[in-house]
Amino acid sequence: AVVSTQSGHYGRGRGEGSLIALLSNSYYDVLDDDGDGTVDVEELKTMMKAFDVPQEAAYTFFEKADTDKSGKLERNELVHLFRKFWMEPYDPQWDGVYAFKY
């Protein structure tokens, strides 16, 4: 199964990829507060505050997630990040995305 979104196709395999894409896309839509199709660090800080995580965590999360270094998170970057977070073994290189360390 493939989940299709505005910015591409995500998720293939036994269903896990599709579910991750679906959840990531839903999460992305909530984060994109101004509706411009990207998520900036200020929108991410708002989410961190809502989850009672220090807003400083947004900067390390954003730095790891913004793989193309555009200064905005595109949908595919968030799907990729969540796939790593939920489906792959722990990798200390991605410590910046684990909010529980704060």
C-alpha atoms as a PDB file:
ATOM      1  CA  ALA A   1       0.000   0.000   0.000  1.00  0.00           C
ATOM      2  CA  VAL A   2       1.146   3.532  -0.711  1.00  0.00           C
ATOM      3  CA  VAL A   3      -0.115   6.672   0.989  1.00  0.00           C
ATOM      4  CA  SER A   4      -0.159   9.560  -1.428  1.00  0.00           C
ATOM      5  CA  THR A   5       0.090  13.155  -0.304  1.00  0.00           C
ATOM      6  CA  GLN A   6       0.390  16.544  -1.959  1.00  0.00           C
ATOM      7  CA  SER A   7       4.144  16.355  -1.965  1.00  0.00           C
ATOM      8  CA  GLY A   8       4.765  12.751  -2.949  1.00  0.00           C
ATOM      9  CA  HIS A   9       4.289   9.086  -2.161  1.00  0.00           C
ATOM     10  CA  TYR A  10       5.331   7.647   1.156  1.00  0.00           C
ATOM     11  CA  GLY A  11       5.250   4.287   2.752  1.00  0.00           C
ATOM     12  CA  ARG A  12       5.565   0.874   1.170  1.00  0.00           C
ATOM     13  CA  GLY A  13       5.828  -2.571   2.638  1.00  0.00           C
ATOM     14  CA  ARG A  14       3.823  -4.503   5.191  1.00  0.00           C
ATOM     15  CA  GLY A  15       1.653  -1.559   6.141  1.00  0.00           C
ATOM     16  CA  GLU A  16       3.933   0.016   8.730  1.00  0.00           C
ATOM     17  CA  GLY A  17       5.207   2.577   6.247  1.00  0.00           C
ATOM     18  CA  SER A  18       1.693   3.512   5.240  1.00  0.00           C
ATOM     19  CA  LEU A  19       0.628   3.928   8.837  1.00  0.00           C
ATOM     20  CA  ILE A  20       3.676   6.041   9.621  1.00  0.00           C
ATOM     21  CA  ALA A  21       2.965   8.210   6.580  1.00  0.00           C
ATOM     22  CA  LEU A  22      -0.664   8.610   7.618  1.00  0.00           C
ATOM     23  CA  LEU A  23       0.266   9.551  11.193  1.00  0.00           C
ATOM     24  CA  SER A  24       3.104  11.807  10.050  1.00  0.00           C
ATOM     25  CA  ASN A  25       0.863  13.611   7.584  1.00  0.00           C
ATOM     26  CA  SER A  26      -1.793  14.182  10.235  1.00  0.00           C
ATOM     27  CA  TYR A  27       0.805  15.473  12.672  1.00  0.00           C
ATOM     28  CA  TYR A  28       2.300  17.689   9.969  1.00  0.00           C
ATOM     29  CA  ASP A  29      -1.092  19.229   9.197  1.00  0.00           C
ATOM     30  CA  VAL A  30      -1.468  20.180  12.874  1.00  0.00           C
ATOM     31  CA  LEU A  31       2.065  21.603  13.076  1.00  0.00           C
ATOM     32  CA  ASP A  32       1.645  23.723   9.937  1.00  0.00           C
ATOM     33  CA  ASP A  33      -0.291  26.368  11.833  1.00  0.00           C
ATOM     34  CA  ASP A  34      -0.160  29.039   9.121  1.00  0.00           C
ATOM     35  CA  GLY A  35      -1.045  26.596   6.332  1.00  0.00           C
ATOM     36  CA  ASP A  36       1.908  27.489   4.099  1.00  0.00           C
ATOM     37  CA  GLY A  37       2.823  23.842   3.486  1.00  0.00           C
ATOM     38  CA  THR A  38       5.981  23.916   5.622  1.00  0.00           C
ATOM     39  CA  VAL A  39       6.782  23.886   9.335  1.00  0.00           C
ATOM     40  CA  ASP A  40       9.170  26.458  10.744  1.00  0.00           C
ATOM     41  CA  VAL A  41      10.930  26.424  14.089  1.00  0.00           C
ATOM     42  CA  GLU A  42       8.354  28.780  15.652  1.00  0.00           C
ATOM     43  CA  GLU A  43       5.532  26.356  14.798  1.00  0.00           C
ATOM     44  CA  LEU A  44       7.622  23.530  16.240  1.00  0.00           C
ATOM     45  CA  LYS A  45       8.229  25.530  19.442  1.00  0.00           C
ATOM     46  CA  THR A  46       4.458  25.918  19.849  1.00  0.00           C
ATOM     47  CA  MET A  47       4.091  22.135  19.677  1.00  0.00           C
ATOM     48  CA  MET A  48       6.880  21.638  22.214  1.00  0.00           C
ATOM     49  CA  LYS A  49       5.123  24.023  24.597  1.00  0.00           C
ATOM     50  CA  ALA A  50       1.828  22.143  24.149  1.00  0.00           C
ATOM     51  CA  PHE A  51       3.571  18.901  25.195  1.00  0.00           C
ATOM     52  CA  ASP A  52       5.300  20.615  28.137  1.00  0.00           C
ATOM     53  CA  VAL A  53       8.724  20.048  26.576  1.00  0.00           C
ATOM     54  CA  PRO A  54      11.219  22.916  26.870  1.00  0.00           C
ATOM     55  CA  GLN A  55      10.980  25.004  23.713  1.00  0.00           C
ATOM     56  CA  GLU A  56      14.753  24.779  23.352  1.00  0.00           C
ATOM     57  CA  ALA A  57      14.177  21.168  22.293  1.00  0.00           C
ATOM     58  CA  ALA A  58      12.610  22.538  19.100  1.00  0.00           C
ATOM     59  CA  TYR A  59      16.006  23.731  17.906  1.00  0.00           C
ATOM     60  CA  THR A  60      17.746  20.361  18.211  1.00  0.00           C
ATOM     61  CA  PHE A  61      14.714  18.559  16.775  1.00  0.00           C
ATOM     62  CA  PHE A  62      14.551  21.014  13.881  1.00  0.00           C
ATOM     63  CA  GLU A  63      18.272  20.758  13.138  1.00  0.00           C
ATOM     64  CA  LYS A  64      18.032  16.965  12.823  1.00  0.00           C
ATOM     65  CA  ALA A  65      14.758  16.965  10.909  1.00  0.00           C
ATOM     66  CA  ASP A  66      15.635  19.704   8.375  1.00  0.00           C
ATOM     67  CA  THR A  67      17.817  17.408   6.285  1.00  0.00           C
ATOM     68  CA  ASP A  68      17.930  19.730   3.251  1.00  0.00           C
ATOM     69  CA  LYS A  69      18.817  22.717   5.493  1.00  0.00           C
ATOM     70  CA  SER A  70      16.121  24.879   3.884  1.00  0.00           C
ATOM     71  CA  GLY A  71      15.077  26.426   7.192  1.00  0.00           C
ATOM     72  CA  LYS A  72      11.632  24.819   6.856  1.00  0.00           C
ATOM     73  CA  LEU A  73      10.432  21.273   7.448  1.00  0.00           C
ATOM     74  CA  GLU A  74       8.818  19.780   4.402  1.00  0.00           C
ATOM     75  CA  ARG A  75       6.325  16.943   4.733  1.00  0.00           C
ATOM     76  CA  ASN A  76       8.745  14.298   3.434  1.00  0.00           C
ATOM     77  CA  GLU A  77      11.334  15.275   6.075  1.00  0.00           C
ATOM     78  CA  LEU A  78       8.861  14.677   8.882  1.00  0.00           C
ATOM     79  CA  VAL A  79       7.751  11.333   7.417  1.00  0.00           C
ATOM     80  CA  HIS A  80      11.417  10.308   7.170  1.00  0.00           C
ATOM     81  CA  LEU A  81      12.075  11.404  10.753  1.00  0.00           C
ATOM     82  CA  PHE A  82       9.096   9.507  12.146  1.00  0.00           C
ATOM     83  CA  ARG A  83      10.034   6.393  10.194  1.00  0.00           C
ATOM     84  CA  LYS A  84      13.467   6.524  11.865  1.00  0.00           C
ATOM     85  CA  PHE A  85      11.944   7.219  15.278  1.00  0.00           C
ATOM     86  CA  TRP A  86       9.293   4.483  15.185  1.00  0.00           C
ATOM     87  CA  MET A  87      10.718   1.787  12.927  1.00  0.00           C
ATOM     88  CA  GLU A  88      14.494   1.698  13.202  1.00  0.00           C
ATOM     89  CA  PRO A  89      16.733   0.666  16.085  1.00  0.00           C
ATOM     90  CA  TYR A  90      17.954   3.424  18.383  1.00  0.00           C
ATOM     91  CA  ASP A  91      20.740   5.509  16.850  1.00  0.00           C
ATOM     92  CA  PRO A  92      22.512   8.100  19.050  1.00  0.00           C
ATOM     93  CA  GLN A  93      22.982  10.287  15.956  1.00  0.00           C
ATOM     94  CA  TRP A  94      19.257  11.094  16.259  1.00  0.00           C
ATOM     95  CA  ASP A  95      19.300  11.993  19.967  1.00  0.00           C
ATOM     96  CA  GLY A  96      18.065  15.492  19.128  1.00  0.00           C
ATOM     97  CA  VAL A  97      14.634  14.161  18.223  1.00  0.00           C
ATOM     98  CA  TYR A  98      14.097  12.272  21.458  1.00  0.00           C
ATOM     99  CA  ALA A  99      12.282  14.880  23.536  1.00  0.00           C
ATOM    100  CA  PHE A 100      12.305  12.674  26.611  1.00  0.00           C
ATOM    101  CA  LYS A 101      15.955  13.520  27.180  1.00  0.00           C
ATOM    102  CA  TYR A 102      14.847  16.995  28.236  1.00  0.00           C
END
